[in-house]
Amino acid sequence: KGYMPYVESTHVLNYELINLQREFQDAVSAADNDKLETTKDKFNLIKSYLDSVKQNIIGNEQEITLLEKQLNDYYNLAYNTSGKMIRGEFTEELSSDINRMVTDFNAIKTALENLVTKSKEATTEAFNSTNKNLNRSFSNIIAILIISLSIFLIISFLISNSLNKSIHYISRKILNLSEGNLYSENDLTIKVKNDEICEMIHATDMLIDKLRTVLADVQNGIEAMTGSANETSSTSGQLA
């Protein structure tokens, strides 16, 4: 909406200015006032392009306003001068006006060519800037992806490591239990979160504690029975 229409409009202005000059020449060559009047349509067309350039977001309003004034002065001078030439009013003043008309035309043409050059340079600079921003954004995205992936891998490693420790802890407990070893001194001590793994660990520990309690009760019963047997044996000896 900015650079490309601006470049196109400046090109069209330069082209239409040359066509306007040719229409003046054709009108004078044919000594035709009707052709001279048609130059007003071309002039209005050029002014409409100037308005679009002025309203463009990248247009320099002060520069376009100055160019618009130059164009108005040129057209009025060219229109009056061509009319005099068609009517055959050749005087020294007319000769001076013709020279001024040529000078003004060249000045406007030079200004339009400079405008075209500036618009191309601005467009090129905008595209280069956009390309740099694109490359910078792409680099930032890659960096963010690498950082995110690194964080993901670290978190995954920590979670996996925690799960492995928990599972290894449960496995070690059950293995000791299967071997009848309820009082292993090599039990792992780990910190776990409040999750399903933690519940499994607590359930395993509770099972082992209950088994230890049962075995302790059985052992106490055996010891009591052993004491009673010894007493019975002693009594039997005395009776014998």
Protein backbone atom coordinates (compact mmCIF):
# COMPACT_ATOMS: atom_id res chain seq x y z
CA LYS A 1 0.00 0.00 0.00
CA GLY A 2 3.00 2.29 0.26
CA TYR A 3 6.18 1.63 -1.66
CA MET A 4 4.98 -0.20 -4.78
CA PRO A 5 2.07 2.20 -5.60
CA TYR A 6 4.42 5.12 -4.91
CA VAL A 7 7.00 3.83 -7.43
CA GLU A 8 4.29 3.15 -10.00
CA SER A 9 2.71 6.60 -9.59
CA THR A 10 6.02 8.43 -9.97
CA HIS A 11 6.73 6.51 -13.17
CA VAL A 12 3.29 7.37 -14.53
CA LEU A 13 3.75 11.05 -13.64
CA ASN A 14 7.00 11.21 -15.56
CA TYR A 15 5.38 9.49 -18.55
CA GLU A 16 2.24 11.67 -18.53
CA LEU A 17 4.28 14.90 -18.24
CA ILE A 18 6.03 14.02 -21.51
CA ASN A 19 2.63 13.25 -23.09
CA LEU A 20 1.32 16.63 -21.93
CA GLN A 21 4.22 18.40 -23.59
CA ARG A 22 3.56 16.45 -26.80
CA GLU A 23 -0.10 17.44 -26.77
CA PHE A 24 0.92 21.10 -26.56
CA GLN A 25 3.29 20.58 -29.50
CA ASP A 26 0.61 18.77 -31.52
CA ALA A 27 -1.92 21.54 -30.86
CA VAL A 28 0.54 24.21 -31.96
CA SER A 29 1.63 22.21 -35.02
CA ALA A 30 -1.98 21.70 -36.11
CA ALA A 31 -2.99 25.22 -34.98
CA ASP A 32 -5.98 23.52 -33.35
CA ASN A 33 -7.61 25.13 -30.29
CA ASP A 34 -9.69 21.99 -29.67
CA LYS A 35 -6.52 19.97 -29.22
CA LEU A 36 -5.24 22.64 -26.90
CA GLU A 37 -8.38 22.25 -24.77
CA THR A 38 -7.82 18.49 -24.49
CA THR A 39 -4.60 19.21 -22.60
CA LYS A 40 -6.79 20.11 -19.62
CA ASP A 41 -7.84 16.46 -19.35
CA LYS A 42 -4.22 15.36 -19.33
CA PHE A 43 -3.38 18.03 -16.75
CA ASN A 44 -6.24 16.88 -14.48
CA LEU A 45 -5.03 13.29 -14.82
CA ILE A 46 -1.52 14.31 -13.76
CA LYS A 47 -2.96 16.21 -10.78
CA SER A 48 -4.91 13.11 -9.71
CA TYR A 49 -1.69 11.09 -9.74
CA LEU A 50 0.00 13.83 -7.74
CA ASP A 51 -2.81 13.64 -5.18
CA SER A 52 -2.38 9.88 -4.85
CA VAL A 53 1.37 10.33 -4.40
CA LYS A 54 0.77 13.03 -1.77
CA GLN A 55 -1.65 10.80 0.14
CA ASN A 56 0.70 7.83 0.07
CA ILE A 57 2.02 6.92 3.53
CA ILE A 58 5.64 7.29 2.42
CA GLY A 59 5.12 10.43 0.33
CA ASN A 60 6.87 13.68 1.23
CA GLU A 61 3.94 16.09 1.31
CA GLN A 62 6.13 19.20 1.21
CA GLU A 63 8.05 17.95 -1.81
CA ILE A 64 4.87 16.95 -3.65
CA THR A 65 3.22 20.30 -2.86
CA LEU A 66 6.19 22.14 -4.36
CA LEU A 67 6.06 19.91 -7.44
CA GLU A 68 2.33 20.56 -7.73
CA LYS A 69 2.90 24.31 -7.72
CA GLN A 70 5.60 23.99 -10.37
CA LEU A 71 3.25 21.91 -12.51
CA ASN A 72 0.42 24.46 -12.19
CA ASP A 73 2.74 27.30 -13.17
CA TYR A 74 4.09 25.31 -16.10
CA TYR A 75 0.66 24.35 -17.38
CA ASN A 76 -0.70 27.90 -17.21
CA LEU A 77 2.38 29.22 -18.98
CA ALA A 78 2.35 26.44 -21.60
CA TYR A 79 -1.39 26.82 -22.21
CA ASN A 80 -1.19 30.59 -22.72
CA THR A 81 2.00 30.36 -24.78
CA SER A 82 0.57 27.65 -27.04
CA GLY A 83 -2.59 29.70 -27.51
CA LYS A 84 -0.57 32.70 -28.62
CA MET A 85 1.42 30.56 -31.04
CA ILE A 86 -1.80 29.12 -32.50
CA ARG A 87 -3.17 32.63 -32.97
CA GLY A 88 0.13 33.77 -34.54
CA GLU A 89 0.96 36.34 -31.87
CA PHE A 90 4.73 36.09 -32.23
CA THR A 91 6.48 38.68 -30.08
CA GLU A 92 9.62 38.97 -27.98
CA GLU A 93 7.50 38.25 -24.91
CA LEU A 94 6.27 35.05 -26.56
CA SER A 95 9.86 34.01 -27.27
CA SER A 96 10.72 34.61 -23.62
CA ASP A 97 7.67 32.61 -22.51
CA ILE A 98 8.71 29.70 -24.75
CA ASN A 99 12.16 29.64 -23.14
CA ARG A 100 10.58 29.79 -19.67
CA MET A 101 8.22 26.98 -20.65
CA VAL A 102 11.12 24.78 -21.73
CA THR A 103 13.05 25.62 -18.55
CA ASP A 104 10.03 24.88 -16.35
CA PHE A 105 9.36 21.62 -18.17
CA ASN A 106 12.96 20.46 -17.70
CA ALA A 107 12.85 21.45 -14.03
CA ILE A 108 9.65 19.46 -13.45
CA LYS A 109 11.01 16.51 -15.41
CA THR A 110 14.20 16.56 -13.34
CA ALA A 111 12.16 16.75 -10.12
CA LEU A 112 10.02 13.80 -11.22
CA GLU A 113 13.10 11.77 -12.16
CA ASN A 114 14.56 12.50 -8.73
CA LEU A 115 11.24 11.44 -7.20
CA VAL A 116 11.38 8.18 -9.15
CA THR A 117 14.96 7.56 -8.02
CA LYS A 118 14.09 8.29 -4.37
CA SER A 119 11.05 6.05 -4.51
CA LYS A 120 13.14 3.19 -5.91
CA GLU A 121 15.81 3.71 -3.26
CA ALA A 122 13.18 3.83 -0.50
CA THR A 123 11.57 0.65 -1.83
CA THR A 124 14.91 -1.16 -2.02
CA GLU A 125 15.79 -0.04 1.50
CA ALA A 126 12.39 -1.20 2.78
CA PHE A 127 12.80 -4.62 1.19
CA ASN A 128 16.34 -4.94 2.59
CA SER A 129 15.12 -3.93 6.03
CA THR A 130 12.26 -6.42 5.82
CA ASN A 131 14.67 -9.14 4.74
CA LYS A 132 16.98 -8.36 7.68
CA ASN A 133 14.04 -8.43 10.08
CA LEU A 134 12.93 -11.74 8.59
CA ASN A 135 16.40 -13.25 9.05
CA ARG A 136 16.58 -11.86 12.59
CA SER A 137 13.13 -13.24 13.41
CA PHE A 138 14.09 -16.62 11.95
CA SER A 139 17.25 -16.68 14.08
CA ASN A 140 15.24 -15.74 17.17
CA ILE A 141 12.72 -18.49 16.46
CA ILE A 142 15.50 -21.05 16.05
CA ALA A 143 17.12 -19.86 19.30
CA ILE A 144 13.79 -20.06 21.14
CA LEU A 145 13.17 -23.54 19.75
CA ILE A 146 16.63 -24.71 20.84
CA ILE A 147 16.17 -23.25 24.33
CA SER A 148 12.68 -24.74 24.61
CA LEU A 149 13.95 -28.12 23.44
CA SER A 150 16.82 -27.97 25.95
CA ILE A 151 14.43 -27.12 28.79
CA PHE A 152 12.12 -29.93 27.67
CA LEU A 153 14.98 -32.43 27.61
CA ILE A 154 16.21 -31.33 31.05
CA ILE A 155 12.72 -31.58 32.56
CA SER A 156 12.20 -34.95 30.86
CA PHE A 157 15.52 -36.18 32.23
CA LEU A 158 14.67 -35.04 35.76
CA ILE A 159 11.22 -36.64 35.63
CA SER A 160 12.61 -39.84 34.13
CA ASN A 161 15.40 -39.95 36.70
CA SER A 162 12.91 -39.44 39.53
CA LEU A 163 10.66 -42.20 38.17
CA ASN A 164 13.61 -44.56 37.75
CA LYS A 165 14.68 -44.00 41.35
CA SER A 166 11.15 -44.55 42.61
CA ILE A 167 10.65 -47.70 40.55
CA HIS A 168 14.08 -48.98 41.57
CA TYR A 169 13.17 -48.33 45.21
CA ILE A 170 9.92 -50.33 44.93
CA SER A 171 11.67 -53.09 43.00
CA ARG A 172 14.39 -53.35 45.66
CA LYS A 173 11.80 -53.50 48.44
CA ILE A 174 9.78 -56.25 46.70
CA LEU A 175 12.94 -58.20 45.87
CA ASN A 176 14.04 -58.12 49.53
CA LEU A 177 10.53 -59.13 50.51
CA SER A 178 10.57 -62.09 48.12
CA GLU A 179 13.87 -63.20 49.68
CA GLY A 180 12.34 -62.96 53.14
CA ASN A 181 14.52 -60.03 54.09
CA LEU A 182 12.33 -57.50 55.85
CA TYR A 183 15.13 -55.70 57.63
CA SER A 184 17.49 -54.83 54.80
CA GLU A 185 20.07 -52.22 55.76
CA ASN A 186 20.55 -51.28 52.11
CA ASP A 187 17.06 -49.81 51.58
CA LEU A 188 17.12 -46.69 49.41
CA THR A 189 16.08 -43.38 50.87
CA ILE A 190 14.49 -41.11 48.26
CA LYS A 191 12.26 -38.08 48.08
CA VAL A 192 9.17 -38.50 45.95
CA LYS A 193 6.26 -36.28 45.08
CA ASN A 194 2.66 -36.86 45.99
CA ASP A 195 1.68 -38.98 43.00
CA GLU A 196 0.83 -42.58 42.05
CA ILE A 197 4.45 -43.69 42.42
CA CYS A 198 4.52 -42.20 45.90
CA GLU A 199 1.34 -44.11 46.81
CA MET A 200 2.93 -47.36 45.59
CA ILE A 201 6.01 -46.70 47.73
CA HIS A 202 3.90 -45.94 50.80
CA ALA A 203 1.78 -49.06 50.21
CA THR A 204 4.94 -51.19 49.90
CA ASP A 205 6.39 -49.71 53.09
CA MET A 206 3.09 -50.31 54.93
CA LEU A 207 3.04 -53.92 53.74
CA ILE A 208 6.58 -54.47 54.97
CA ASP A 209 5.83 -52.78 58.30
CA LYS A 210 2.78 -55.00 58.81
CA LEU A 211 4.79 -58.10 57.95
CA ARG A 212 7.44 -56.99 60.42
CA THR A 213 4.73 -56.56 63.08
CA VAL A 214 3.26 -59.99 62.34
CA LEU A 215 6.71 -61.62 62.51
CA ALA A 216 7.45 -59.78 65.74
CA ASP A 217 4.19 -61.06 67.23
CA VAL A 218 4.94 -64.59 66.04
CA GLN A 219 8.43 -64.35 67.49
CA ASN A 220 7.05 -63.14 70.81
CA GLY A 221 4.53 -66.01 70.80
CA ILE A 222 7.29 -68.52 70.07
CA GLU A 223 9.39 -67.11 72.86
CA ALA A 224 6.39 -67.33 75.24
CA MET A 225 5.73 -70.90 74.16
CA THR A 226 9.40 -71.72 74.61
CA GLY A 227 9.27 -70.28 78.15
CA SER A 228 6.16 -72.30 78.94
CA ALA A 229 7.75 -75.45 77.53
CA ASN A 230 10.82 -74.89 79.66
CA GLU A 231 8.65 -74.44 82.73
CA THR A 232 6.68 -77.57 81.88
CA SER A 233 9.88 -79.49 81.36
CA SER A 234 11.20 -78.29 84.70
CA THR A 235 7.98 -79.21 86.49
CA SER A 236 8.03 -82.65 84.85
CA GLY A 237 11.57 -83.12 86.06
CA GLN A 238 10.63 -82.22 89.57
CA LEU A 239 7.64 -84.57 89.47
CA ALA A 240 9.82 -87.33 88.12
